Amino acid sequence: MIKLKKPIKPTELTDDVVKELTDEFKKSGKSVWSKDYIKKPLLTMSSNKCAFCETKIDEESKYLEVEHFHHKDLYKDEVVEWDNLLPSCKKCNGTKGGHDTKLEPILNPCIEDPKEHLKIWRYRLKGKTDIGKLTVGTLNLNEPDRLVVKRFQIGNALQDKLEEYQELVDDVISGVQTSTRRKNRIKNGVKDILANGLKDKEYAATYTTLLLTEPEYLELKSKMNTCGLWTNEHIQIEGEINNMALL
């Protein structure tokens, strides 16, 4: 989970439209929120990801569900209130179910910064605060097959990449291979490694946390600094992804 910035309310969602749709929901129970002008900006906000688990929701079986942070059956007057709507995958929306977020608050990533409440330890999310702990439990954010295994796979693939570039940098330092082509391969490759943690990437919080706490990465960065391969571009991207790490 990463911090999200809620876009301005769609112009179509006027006070009159909100009242009309709310009244319709109260009478019929229809999904009055299933409007393109509602769904599209929510997806854009989250880079096509679930606001909670960060899985891509434009893939098969992970399609978008408009999540009512305060449940629609408990708080009917907020059924199309813009600040109450989030993009969610089917799994997180179903798991959250009828949880009363006013009685027992959980994280709303458009309001709270998840890094203040969550951390990752051994591929599992842990709450640093009571609201963080309740969020993990309510949304089942340590579901083994769907999320914990995926985090392990991300970490394992990252480790392979870091080891690959460690070897390339060692060749430069030892003088075995010092060509411009080799140096550019290292600089560009490590930029790609860093960029995989940008906010539009799937599981950005997991990836950035694993990367920035990995000793292999810290060693690689140190070696690149030693031989002049760590550039301002690396510094800039690292600064961006650092804001999402759950440390």
Foldseek 3Di string as FASTA:
>chain_A
DFAWAQDDQQPVCDPVNLVVLLVVCVVPVDLSQPDCSLPVSQCVRQLQAAQQQQARQVDPQFHWDWAQQADCVVCSSCSPPNVRTHTHGPLQRVLLPNPGCVVPNADDSNPDGVLVFWADDLQAIDGPDSNNNVNCVSRVSPPPPPGSVVLVVLLVVLVVLLVVLVVLLVCCVVVVDVDPVSLVCSLVSVLVLLVCLASSHGPNQSSLQSQVPDPSNVVSLVSCVVVVSCDVSNVVSNVRSVNRHND
